[in-house]
Amino acid sequence: MMKRIKGMNVLSAELLDFIEDIMYSISCELQRIGRKVVFIELKYCPFIAEVSPYMEAIGLNEEGEIILDTSFADTTEKSLRATIADLEIDAFGLLNLLELLKSVEGKNGVLASILSPVNNECIVHEQQDRDAWTCVCGNTPCSGGFYSCDADGDLIEPGEEWDCLYRCDRCGRVIDDRDLKVIGINLNPNQEEAWP
């Protein structure tokens, strides 16, 4: 199947959407953490080498904007959006920042939603009933059940972006409905706001 060639306007719009999605996810992680995160808490600082030494902490201000505490000569605070505009962090740096924030324990011990990959594991179903699943942990649809999720194991409602994945509500295994392979385990999934 050939991919459609996309023009500059379409690609620019997709890139902006991608950046907004990352920013939203970073904001959610900072809400989960519930405090400023000092960069020395993280394995490394994902900003470009020229500015990394000046980045001290990241958090949310009262308006919910992502703000960095800095030690630049001319400012002690800078928005994350401004660092993107100033090319001080790129999309991969933002993804790295998100991953680093997921390793920080939140208030009251709340952990991030992380998928741990699993290889060579499958669940089974009854021979006469394709819907009668039995997870590796023993869960069935009648006990804990299985819920639609994305490739990270976060709960979503089935729709256009859903890829036939389910999460075991007992053990967190993420299962591909098409071949019953387990792709990973997520013990603490995020949940779409629209979900009950």
N, C-alpha and C. Protein backbone atom coordinates (compact mmCIF):
# COMPACT_ATOMS: atom_id res chain seq x y z
N MET A 1 0.84 -1.18 0.00
CA MET A 1 0.00 0.00 0.00
C MET A 1 0.89 1.25 0.00
N MET A 2 0.63 2.14 -0.94
CA MET A 2 1.42 3.38 -1.02
C MET A 2 0.85 4.44 -0.10
N LYS A 3 1.75 5.15 0.53
CA LYS A 3 1.33 6.25 1.40
C LYS A 3 1.09 7.50 0.56
N ARG A 4 0.17 8.30 1.01
CA ARG A 4 -0.13 9.56 0.34
C ARG A 4 0.98 10.56 0.66
N ILE A 5 1.43 11.29 -0.35
CA ILE A 5 2.40 12.36 -0.14
C ILE A 5 1.66 13.55 0.45
N LYS A 6 2.18 14.05 1.56
CA LYS A 6 1.53 15.16 2.26
C LYS A 6 2.29 16.45 1.99
N GLY A 7 1.54 17.53 1.83
CA GLY A 7 2.15 18.84 1.61
C GLY A 7 2.58 19.49 2.91
N MET A 8 3.22 20.64 2.78
CA MET A 8 3.77 21.35 3.93
C MET A 8 2.70 21.75 4.94
N ASN A 9 1.56 22.21 4.47
CA ASN A 9 0.51 22.65 5.40
C ASN A 9 -0.02 21.49 6.23
N VAL A 10 -0.22 20.35 5.60
CA VAL A 10 -0.72 19.17 6.31
C VAL A 10 0.32 18.70 7.32
N LEU A 11 1.58 18.62 6.89
CA LEU A 11 2.64 18.17 7.80
C LEU A 11 2.84 19.14 8.96
N SER A 12 2.77 20.44 8.70
CA SER A 12 2.90 21.44 9.77
C SER A 12 1.77 21.29 10.79
N ALA A 13 0.55 21.09 10.29
CA ALA A 13 -0.60 20.91 11.20
C ALA A 13 -0.44 19.65 12.04
N GLU A 14 0.04 18.57 11.42
CA GLU A 14 0.24 17.32 12.16
C GLU A 14 1.33 17.47 13.21
N LEU A 15 2.40 18.20 12.86
CA LEU A 15 3.48 18.43 13.82
C LEU A 15 2.98 19.25 15.01
N LEU A 16 2.19 20.29 14.74
CA LEU A 16 1.63 21.11 15.83
C LEU A 16 0.71 20.28 16.72
N ASP A 17 -0.10 19.42 16.11
CA ASP A 17 -0.97 18.53 16.90
C ASP A 17 -0.13 17.60 17.77
N PHE A 18 0.95 17.07 17.21
CA PHE A 18 1.84 16.17 17.93
C PHE A 18 2.46 16.89 19.13
N ILE A 19 2.95 18.11 18.92
CA ILE A 19 3.54 18.89 20.01
C ILE A 19 2.50 19.17 21.09
N GLU A 20 1.28 19.52 20.67
CA GLU A 20 0.21 19.78 21.65
C GLU A 20 -0.10 18.53 22.46
N ASP A 21 -0.12 17.36 21.82
CA ASP A 21 -0.38 16.10 22.53
C ASP A 21 0.72 15.83 23.56
N ILE A 22 1.98 16.07 23.20
CA ILE A 22 3.07 15.87 24.15
C ILE A 22 2.95 16.86 25.31
N MET A 23 2.67 18.11 25.00
CA MET A 23 2.53 19.14 26.04
C MET A 23 1.41 18.76 27.01
N TYR A 24 0.31 18.27 26.47
CA TYR A 24 -0.82 17.85 27.32
C TYR A 24 -0.39 16.70 28.23
N SER A 25 0.32 15.73 27.67
CA SER A 25 0.78 14.59 28.47
C SER A 25 1.76 15.03 29.56
N ILE A 26 2.67 15.94 29.23
CA ILE A 26 3.60 16.47 30.23
C ILE A 26 2.83 17.18 31.34
N SER A 27 1.84 17.97 30.96
CA SER A 27 1.01 18.67 31.93
C SER A 27 0.30 17.69 32.85
N CYS A 28 -0.22 16.60 32.30
CA CYS A 28 -0.90 15.58 33.11
C CYS A 28 0.07 14.91 34.08
N GLU A 29 1.30 14.65 33.62
CA GLU A 29 2.29 14.05 34.52
C GLU A 29 2.63 15.01 35.66
N LEU A 30 2.76 16.30 35.35
CA LEU A 30 3.06 17.28 36.40
C LEU A 30 1.89 17.40 37.38
N GLN A 31 0.66 17.28 36.89
CA GLN A 31 -0.50 17.27 37.79
C GLN A 31 -0.45 16.04 38.69
N ARG A 32 -0.11 14.89 38.12
CA ARG A 32 -0.01 13.65 38.90
C ARG A 32 1.05 13.78 39.97
N ILE A 33 2.19 14.36 39.61
CA ILE A 33 3.31 14.52 40.55
C ILE A 33 2.94 15.52 41.65
N GLY A 34 2.26 16.60 41.28
CA GLY A 34 1.73 17.53 42.26
C GLY A 34 2.73 18.49 42.87
N ARG A 35 3.87 18.67 42.23
CA ARG A 35 4.89 19.60 42.74
C ARG A 35 5.86 19.90 41.62
N LYS A 36 6.76 20.87 41.88
CA LYS A 36 7.83 21.12 40.91
C LYS A 36 8.81 19.95 40.95
N VAL A 37 9.34 19.62 39.79
CA VAL A 37 10.36 18.57 39.70
C VAL A 37 11.69 19.25 39.38
N VAL A 38 12.66 19.04 40.24
CA VAL A 38 13.99 19.59 40.04
C VAL A 38 14.73 18.67 39.07
N PHE A 39 15.41 19.24 38.08
CA PHE A 39 16.04 18.42 37.04
C PHE A 39 17.11 17.47 37.58
N ILE A 40 17.72 17.80 38.73
CA ILE A 40 18.71 16.86 39.27
C ILE A 40 18.05 15.57 39.77
N GLU A 41 16.70 15.57 39.91
CA GLU A 41 15.98 14.34 40.27
C GLU A 41 15.92 13.37 39.08
N LEU A 42 16.06 13.90 37.88
CA LEU A 42 15.93 13.10 36.67
C LEU A 42 17.29 12.57 36.23
N LYS A 43 17.28 11.56 35.38
CA LYS A 43 18.54 10.97 34.91
C LYS A 43 19.38 11.97 34.13
N TYR A 44 18.71 12.85 33.41
CA TYR A 44 19.40 13.88 32.62
C TYR A 44 18.41 14.97 32.27
N CYS A 45 18.91 16.06 31.74
CA CYS A 45 18.08 17.18 31.32
C CYS A 45 17.96 17.12 29.79
N PRO A 46 16.75 16.98 29.25
CA PRO A 46 16.59 16.75 27.81
C PRO A 46 16.64 17.98 26.90
N PHE A 47 17.04 19.11 27.45
CA PHE A 47 17.16 20.32 26.63
C PHE A 47 18.51 20.31 25.90
N ILE A 48 18.67 21.16 24.89
CA ILE A 48 19.93 21.18 24.14
C ILE A 48 21.08 21.54 25.08
N ALA A 49 22.27 21.11 24.72
CA ALA A 49 23.44 21.22 25.59
C ALA A 49 23.72 22.65 26.04
N GLU A 50 23.46 23.64 25.17
CA GLU A 50 23.77 25.03 25.50
C GLU A 50 22.91 25.58 26.65
N VAL A 51 21.68 25.06 26.80
CA VAL A 51 20.80 25.61 27.84
C VAL A 51 20.57 24.64 29.01
N SER A 52 20.90 23.38 28.85
CA SER A 52 20.67 22.39 29.92
C SER A 52 21.19 22.83 31.29
N PRO A 53 22.42 23.39 31.36
CA PRO A 53 22.92 23.78 32.69
C PRO A 53 22.08 24.87 33.38
N TYR A 54 21.26 25.59 32.61
CA TYR A 54 20.48 26.68 33.17
C TYR A 54 19.04 26.28 33.54
N MET A 55 18.68 25.04 33.22
CA MET A 55 17.34 24.57 33.55
C MET A 55 17.37 23.93 34.93
N GLU A 56 16.55 24.45 35.84
CA GLU A 56 16.60 23.98 37.23
C GLU A 56 15.42 23.12 37.65
N ALA A 57 14.20 23.50 37.25
CA ALA A 57 13.01 22.75 37.68
C ALA A 57 11.89 22.97 36.69
N ILE A 58 10.89 22.09 36.75
CA ILE A 58 9.72 22.21 35.89
C ILE A 58 8.47 21.97 36.74
N GLY A 59 7.44 22.76 36.45
CA GLY A 59 6.18 22.62 37.18
C GLY A 59 5.07 23.36 36.47
N LEU A 60 3.92 23.43 37.10
CA LEU A 60 2.76 24.13 36.55
C LEU A 60 2.52 25.40 37.36
N ASN A 61 2.18 26.49 36.65
CA ASN A 61 1.80 27.70 37.38
C ASN A 61 0.31 27.63 37.69
N GLU A 62 -0.24 28.68 38.30
CA GLU A 62 -1.64 28.68 38.72
C GLU A 62 -2.60 28.56 37.54
N GLU A 63 -2.18 28.99 36.37
CA GLU A 63 -3.03 28.89 35.17
C GLU A 63 -2.89 27.53 34.49
N GLY A 64 -2.04 26.66 34.99
CA GLY A 64 -1.83 25.34 34.41
C GLY A 64 -0.81 25.31 33.29
N GLU A 65 -0.09 26.42 33.10
CA GLU A 65 0.94 26.48 32.06
C GLU A 65 2.22 25.83 32.58
N ILE A 66 2.94 25.12 31.70
CA ILE A 66 4.18 24.47 32.09
C ILE A 66 5.29 25.51 32.13
N ILE A 67 5.89 25.66 33.31
CA ILE A 67 6.90 26.69 33.55
C ILE A 67 8.20 26.04 34.02
N LEU A 68 9.31 26.58 33.52
CA LEU A 68 10.63 26.13 33.93
C LEU A 68 11.27 27.18 34.82
N ASP A 69 11.85 26.75 35.93
CA ASP A 69 12.70 27.63 36.73
C ASP A 69 14.08 27.58 36.09
N THR A 70 14.64 28.73 35.82
CA THR A 70 15.93 28.79 35.12
C THR A 70 16.92 29.66 35.88
N SER A 71 18.18 29.56 35.50
CA SER A 71 19.22 30.42 36.08
C SER A 71 19.90 31.26 34.99
N PHE A 72 19.13 31.61 33.94
CA PHE A 72 19.65 32.52 32.93
C PHE A 72 19.90 33.88 33.57
N ALA A 73 20.82 34.65 33.03
CA ALA A 73 21.13 35.97 33.58
C ALA A 73 19.94 36.92 33.50
N ASP A 74 19.10 36.76 32.44
CA ASP A 74 18.01 37.71 32.23
C ASP A 74 16.64 37.22 32.69
N THR A 75 16.50 35.96 33.11
CA THR A 75 15.19 35.47 33.55
C THR A 75 15.33 34.26 34.47
N THR A 76 14.42 34.17 35.41
CA THR A 76 14.42 33.01 36.33
C THR A 76 13.27 32.06 36.02
N GLU A 77 12.44 32.43 35.04
CA GLU A 77 11.29 31.62 34.68
C GLU A 77 11.08 31.67 33.18
N LYS A 78 10.72 30.53 32.60
CA LYS A 78 10.46 30.48 31.17
C LYS A 78 9.41 29.40 30.91
N SER A 79 8.48 29.69 30.01
CA SER A 79 7.47 28.68 29.70
C SER A 79 8.09 27.61 28.79
N LEU A 80 7.56 26.41 28.89
CA LEU A 80 8.04 25.33 28.02
C LEU A 80 7.76 25.68 26.56
N ARG A 81 6.64 26.33 26.30
CA ARG A 81 6.33 26.76 24.92
C ARG A 81 7.41 27.68 24.37
N ALA A 82 7.92 28.57 25.21
CA ALA A 82 8.97 29.51 24.77
C ALA A 82 10.26 28.75 24.46
N THR A 83 10.56 27.70 25.22
CA THR A 83 11.78 26.93 24.93
C THR A 83 11.64 26.18 23.60
N ILE A 84 10.43 25.76 23.27
CA ILE A 84 10.19 25.11 21.97
C ILE A 84 10.38 26.14 20.86
N ALA A 85 9.78 27.32 21.03
CA ALA A 85 9.89 28.38 20.03
C ALA A 85 11.33 28.83 19.84
N ASP A 86 12.12 28.80 20.92
CA ASP A 86 13.53 29.20 20.85
C ASP A 86 14.46 28.06 20.44
N LEU A 87 13.87 26.92 20.05
CA LEU A 87 14.61 25.72 19.61
C LEU A 87 15.58 25.20 20.68
N GLU A 88 15.17 25.32 21.94
CA GLU A 88 15.99 24.83 23.05
C GLU A 88 15.64 23.39 23.41
N ILE A 89 14.55 22.89 22.84
CA ILE A 89 14.16 21.49 22.98
C ILE A 89 13.38 21.12 21.72
N ASP A 90 13.59 19.90 21.22
CA ASP A 90 12.86 19.46 20.02
C ASP A 90 11.83 18.41 20.41
N ALA A 91 11.14 17.85 19.43
CA ALA A 91 10.08 16.88 19.71
C ALA A 91 10.63 15.66 20.44
N PHE A 92 11.82 15.20 20.07
CA PHE A 92 12.40 14.04 20.75
C PHE A 92 12.77 14.40 22.19
N GLY A 93 13.23 15.62 22.41
CA GLY A 93 13.52 16.08 23.76
C GLY A 93 12.26 16.13 24.61
N LEU A 94 11.15 16.57 24.01
CA LEU A 94 9.87 16.59 24.72
C LEU A 94 9.43 15.19 25.09
N LEU A 95 9.58 14.25 24.15
CA LEU A 95 9.25 12.85 24.46
C LEU A 95 10.12 12.31 25.58
N ASN A 96 11.41 12.66 25.55
CA ASN A 96 12.31 12.23 26.63
C ASN A 96 11.90 12.85 27.96
N LEU A 97 11.51 14.13 27.93
CA LEU A 97 11.06 14.79 29.15
C LEU A 97 9.83 14.08 29.72
N LEU A 98 8.90 13.73 28.86
CA LEU A 98 7.71 13.00 29.29
C LEU A 98 8.10 11.66 29.93
N GLU A 99 8.99 10.94 29.29
CA GLU A 99 9.43 9.65 29.83
C GLU A 99 10.13 9.82 31.18
N LEU A 100 10.95 10.85 31.32
CA LEU A 100 11.64 11.10 32.58
C LEU A 100 10.65 11.45 33.69
N LEU A 101 9.63 12.24 33.37
CA LEU A 101 8.63 12.60 34.37
C LEU A 101 7.81 11.39 34.82
N LYS A 102 7.63 10.42 33.92
CA LYS A 102 6.89 9.21 34.29
C LYS A 102 7.62 8.39 35.36
N SER A 103 8.92 8.63 35.52
CA SER A 103 9.68 7.89 36.54
C SER A 103 9.58 8.53 37.92
N VAL A 104 8.94 9.70 38.02
CA VAL A 104 8.83 10.41 39.30
C VAL A 104 7.53 10.01 39.99
N GLU A 105 7.65 9.62 41.25
CA GLU A 105 6.47 9.24 42.02
C GLU A 105 5.64 10.48 42.31
N GLY A 106 4.34 10.34 42.19
CA GLY A 106 3.44 11.46 42.41
C GLY A 106 3.04 11.62 43.86
N LYS A 107 2.20 12.62 44.10
CA LYS A 107 1.71 12.83 45.46
C LYS A 107 0.94 11.60 45.91
N ASN A 108 1.04 11.29 47.18
CA ASN A 108 0.41 10.10 47.77
C ASN A 108 0.86 8.82 47.10
N GLY A 109 2.06 8.82 46.51
CA GLY A 109 2.61 7.60 45.92
C GLY A 109 2.02 7.20 44.59
N VAL A 110 1.25 8.09 43.94
CA VAL A 110 0.63 7.75 42.66
C VAL A 110 1.71 7.57 41.60
N LEU A 111 1.67 6.43 40.92
CA LEU A 111 2.65 6.12 39.88
C LEU A 111 2.11 6.46 38.51
N ALA A 112 3.01 6.60 37.56
CA ALA A 112 2.63 6.93 36.18
C ALA A 112 2.11 5.69 35.46
N SER A 113 1.42 5.93 34.36
CA SER A 113 0.97 4.87 33.48
C SER A 113 2.14 4.50 32.56
N ILE A 114 2.66 3.28 32.74
CA ILE A 114 3.80 2.82 31.94
C ILE A 114 3.53 1.40 31.47
N LEU A 115 3.77 1.14 30.20
CA LEU A 115 3.64 -0.21 29.65
C LEU A 115 5.00 -0.89 29.70
N SER A 116 5.05 -2.03 30.38
CA SER A 116 6.27 -2.86 30.38
C SER A 116 6.09 -3.93 29.32
N PRO A 117 6.94 -3.95 28.28
CA PRO A 117 6.78 -4.92 27.20
C PRO A 117 6.89 -6.37 27.69
N VAL A 118 6.14 -7.24 27.04
CA VAL A 118 6.16 -8.68 27.33
C VAL A 118 6.35 -9.41 26.00
N ASN A 119 7.17 -10.43 25.98
CA ASN A 119 7.39 -11.21 24.75
C ASN A 119 6.96 -12.66 24.96
N ASN A 120 6.52 -13.27 23.88
CA ASN A 120 6.21 -14.71 23.85
C ASN A 120 5.19 -15.13 24.89
N GLU A 121 4.12 -14.36 25.02
CA GLU A 121 3.06 -14.72 25.96
C GLU A 121 1.72 -14.51 25.26
N CYS A 122 0.82 -15.46 25.42
CA CYS A 122 -0.51 -15.38 24.83
C CYS A 122 -1.54 -15.79 25.86
N ILE A 123 -2.76 -15.28 25.70
CA ILE A 123 -3.87 -15.78 26.50
C ILE A 123 -4.59 -16.82 25.65
N VAL A 124 -5.59 -17.49 26.22
CA VAL A 124 -6.33 -18.51 25.49
C VAL A 124 -7.82 -18.19 25.52
N HIS A 125 -8.57 -18.89 24.69
CA HIS A 125 -10.03 -18.79 24.75
C HIS A 125 -10.58 -20.19 24.54
N GLU A 126 -11.83 -20.36 24.95
CA GLU A 126 -12.47 -21.66 24.77
C GLU A 126 -12.63 -21.92 23.28
N GLN A 127 -12.47 -23.18 22.90
CA GLN A 127 -12.46 -23.53 21.48
C GLN A 127 -13.77 -23.15 20.78
N GLN A 128 -14.89 -23.33 21.44
CA GLN A 128 -16.18 -23.02 20.82
C GLN A 128 -16.62 -21.57 21.02
N ASP A 129 -15.93 -20.84 21.87
CA ASP A 129 -16.37 -19.48 22.18
C ASP A 129 -15.19 -18.51 22.14
N ARG A 130 -15.07 -17.79 21.02
CA ARG A 130 -13.95 -16.87 20.83
C ARG A 130 -13.93 -15.75 21.86
N ASP A 131 -15.08 -15.43 22.47
CA ASP A 131 -15.15 -14.36 23.46
C ASP A 131 -14.89 -14.83 24.88
N ALA A 132 -14.75 -16.12 25.08
CA ALA A 132 -14.52 -16.66 26.43
C ALA A 132 -13.02 -16.73 26.70
N TRP A 133 -12.42 -15.57 26.92
CA TRP A 133 -10.99 -15.46 27.16
C TRP A 133 -10.63 -15.93 28.56
N THR A 134 -9.42 -16.46 28.69
CA THR A 134 -8.82 -16.71 30.00
C THR A 134 -7.41 -16.13 29.96
N CYS A 135 -7.19 -15.11 30.78
CA CYS A 135 -5.88 -14.47 30.83
C CYS A 135 -4.88 -15.38 31.51
N VAL A 136 -3.61 -15.07 31.35
CA VAL A 136 -2.53 -15.81 32.01
C VAL A 136 -2.76 -15.82 33.53
N CYS A 137 -3.33 -14.73 34.06
CA CYS A 137 -3.57 -14.63 35.51
C CYS A 137 -4.82 -15.36 35.96
N GLY A 138 -5.61 -15.89 35.00
CA GLY A 138 -6.84 -16.60 35.33
C GLY A 138 -8.09 -15.76 35.19
N ASN A 139 -7.97 -14.48 34.91
CA ASN A 139 -9.12 -13.60 34.73
C ASN A 139 -9.93 -14.02 33.51
N THR A 140 -11.25 -13.85 33.60
CA THR A 140 -12.16 -14.13 32.49
C THR A 140 -13.09 -12.93 32.32
N PRO A 141 -13.85 -12.88 31.22
CA PRO A 141 -14.79 -11.77 31.05
C PRO A 141 -15.83 -11.70 32.17
N CYS A 142 -16.15 -12.83 32.79
CA CYS A 142 -17.17 -12.84 33.85
C CYS A 142 -16.61 -12.46 35.22
N SER A 143 -15.29 -12.50 35.38
CA SER A 143 -14.73 -12.13 36.69
C SER A 143 -14.27 -10.67 36.64
N GLY A 144 -13.00 -10.39 36.42
CA GLY A 144 -12.52 -9.00 36.37
C GLY A 144 -12.83 -8.32 35.05
N GLY A 145 -12.79 -9.08 33.96
CA GLY A 145 -13.09 -8.54 32.65
C GLY A 145 -11.90 -7.95 31.93
N PHE A 146 -12.15 -7.50 30.69
CA PHE A 146 -11.14 -6.92 29.81
C PHE A 146 -11.72 -5.64 29.23
N TYR A 147 -10.88 -4.59 29.12
CA TYR A 147 -11.37 -3.29 28.67
C TYR A 147 -10.51 -2.76 27.53
N SER A 148 -11.16 -2.10 26.58
CA SER A 148 -10.45 -1.57 25.41
C SER A 148 -9.40 -0.56 25.85
N CYS A 149 -8.24 -0.62 25.18
CA CYS A 149 -7.13 0.27 25.55
C CYS A 149 -6.31 0.59 24.31
N ASP A 150 -5.34 1.49 24.48
CA ASP A 150 -4.43 1.82 23.39
C ASP A 150 -3.13 1.03 23.54
N ALA A 151 -2.16 1.30 22.71
CA ALA A 151 -0.91 0.54 22.71
C ALA A 151 -0.07 0.78 23.95
N ASP A 152 -0.40 1.78 24.76
CA ASP A 152 0.27 2.02 26.04
C ASP A 152 -0.46 1.35 27.20
N GLY A 153 -1.62 0.74 26.91
CA GLY A 153 -2.41 0.12 27.97
C GLY A 153 -3.33 1.09 28.67
N ASP A 154 -3.44 2.32 28.15
CA ASP A 154 -4.36 3.30 28.72
C ASP A 154 -5.76 3.05 28.19
N LEU A 155 -6.74 3.13 29.07
CA LEU A 155 -8.12 2.80 28.72
C LEU A 155 -8.72 3.84 27.79
N ILE A 156 -9.31 3.37 26.70
CA ILE A 156 -9.97 4.26 25.74
C ILE A 156 -11.28 3.60 25.30
N GLU A 157 -12.17 4.40 24.77
CA GLU A 157 -13.39 3.85 24.20
C GLU A 157 -13.07 3.39 22.78
N PRO A 158 -13.64 2.26 22.34
CA PRO A 158 -13.40 1.83 20.95
C PRO A 158 -13.85 2.91 19.98
N GLY A 159 -13.03 3.14 18.97
CA GLY A 159 -13.33 4.16 17.97
C GLY A 159 -12.30 4.10 16.87
N GLU A 160 -12.14 5.21 16.15
CA GLU A 160 -11.21 5.26 15.02
C GLU A 160 -9.76 4.97 15.42
N GLU A 161 -9.34 5.46 16.59
CA GLU A 161 -7.95 5.31 17.00
C GLU A 161 -7.68 4.00 17.73
N TRP A 162 -8.72 3.23 18.01
CA TRP A 162 -8.57 1.98 18.75
C TRP A 162 -8.03 0.90 17.81
N ASP A 163 -7.09 0.09 18.31
CA ASP A 163 -6.41 -0.89 17.47
C ASP A 163 -6.64 -2.33 17.98
N CYS A 164 -7.87 -2.63 18.41
CA CYS A 164 -8.25 -3.99 18.83
C CYS A 164 -7.42 -4.49 20.01
N LEU A 165 -7.09 -3.61 20.94
CA LEU A 165 -6.32 -3.99 22.12
C LEU A 165 -7.20 -3.93 23.35
N TYR A 166 -6.97 -4.88 24.26
CA TYR A 166 -7.71 -4.95 25.51
C TYR A 166 -6.73 -5.07 26.67
N ARG A 167 -7.13 -4.53 27.81
CA ARG A 167 -6.33 -4.62 29.04
C ARG A 167 -7.07 -5.50 30.05
N CYS A 168 -6.37 -6.47 30.61
CA CYS A 168 -6.93 -7.32 31.65
C CYS A 168 -7.10 -6.48 32.90
N ASP A 169 -8.30 -6.45 33.46
CA ASP A 169 -8.55 -5.61 34.61
C ASP A 169 -7.94 -6.18 35.89
N ARG A 170 -7.52 -7.42 35.87
CA ARG A 170 -6.92 -8.01 37.07
C ARG A 170 -5.41 -7.80 37.13
N CYS A 171 -4.70 -8.12 36.03
CA CYS A 171 -3.23 -8.10 36.07
C CYS A 171 -2.61 -7.00 35.22
N GLY A 172 -3.41 -6.32 34.37
CA GLY A 172 -2.90 -5.22 33.56
C GLY A 172 -2.29 -5.64 32.23
N ARG A 173 -2.36 -6.93 31.89
CA ARG A 173 -1.81 -7.36 30.61
C ARG A 173 -2.59 -6.72 29.46
N VAL A 174 -1.86 -6.29 28.43
CA VAL A 174 -2.47 -5.69 27.23
C VAL A 174 -2.43 -6.75 26.13
N ILE A 175 -3.61 -7.06 25.61
CA ILE A 175 -3.79 -8.19 24.70
C ILE A 175 -4.29 -7.71 23.35
N ASP A 176 -3.69 -8.25 22.29
CA ASP A 176 -4.13 -7.96 20.93
C ASP A 176 -5.25 -8.94 20.59
N ASP A 177 -6.44 -8.43 20.33
CA ASP A 177 -7.62 -9.25 20.06
C ASP A 177 -7.46 -10.12 18.82
N ARG A 178 -6.61 -9.69 17.88
CA ARG A 178 -6.49 -10.41 16.61
C ARG A 178 -5.74 -11.72 16.73
N ASP A 179 -4.74 -11.79 17.63
CA ASP A 179 -3.96 -13.03 17.77
C ASP A 179 -3.79 -13.48 19.22
N LEU A 180 -4.42 -12.73 20.17
CA LEU A 180 -4.39 -13.03 21.60
C LEU A 180 -2.99 -12.95 22.21
N LYS A 181 -2.06 -12.27 21.53
CA LYS A 181 -0.72 -12.08 22.08
C LYS A 181 -0.74 -10.96 23.12
N VAL A 182 0.05 -11.15 24.17
CA VAL A 182 0.22 -10.12 25.19
C VAL A 182 1.37 -9.23 24.74
N ILE A 183 1.11 -7.92 24.63
CA ILE A 183 2.17 -7.01 24.19
C ILE A 183 2.87 -6.33 25.36
N GLY A 184 2.24 -6.34 26.53
CA GLY A 184 2.86 -5.72 27.68
C GLY A 184 1.93 -5.71 28.88
N ILE A 185 2.40 -5.09 29.96
CA ILE A 185 1.61 -4.97 31.18
C ILE A 185 1.64 -3.52 31.63
N ASN A 186 0.46 -2.97 31.92
CA ASN A 186 0.34 -1.63 32.48
C ASN A 186 -0.48 -1.74 33.76
N LEU A 187 0.17 -1.56 34.90
CA LEU A 187 -0.49 -1.72 36.19
C LEU A 187 -1.28 -0.49 36.61
N ASN A 188 -1.03 0.65 36.00
CA ASN A 188 -1.68 1.88 36.42
C ASN A 188 -2.10 2.70 35.20
N PRO A 189 -3.11 2.26 34.45
CA PRO A 189 -3.45 2.94 33.20
C PRO A 189 -4.13 4.28 33.41
N ASN A 190 -3.92 5.17 32.44
CA ASN A 190 -4.73 6.39 32.37
C ASN A 190 -6.08 5.99 31.81
N GLN A 191 -7.06 6.85 32.01
CA GLN A 191 -8.41 6.55 31.54
C GLN A 191 -8.96 7.76 30.83
N GLU A 192 -9.58 7.56 29.67
CA GLU A 192 -10.19 8.67 28.96
C GLU A 192 -11.23 9.34 29.83
N GLU A 193 -11.29 10.68 29.76
CA GLU A 193 -12.23 11.42 30.60
C GLU A 193 -13.67 11.02 30.34
N ALA A 194 -13.98 10.57 29.13
CA ALA A 194 -15.35 10.22 28.79
C ALA A 194 -15.79 8.89 29.39
N TRP A 195 -14.82 8.11 29.86
CA TRP A 195 -15.16 6.80 30.42
C TRP A 195 -15.91 6.97 31.72
N PRO A 196 -16.84 6.01 32.04
CA PRO A 196 -17.59 6.09 33.31
C PRO A 196 -16.66 5.81 34.48
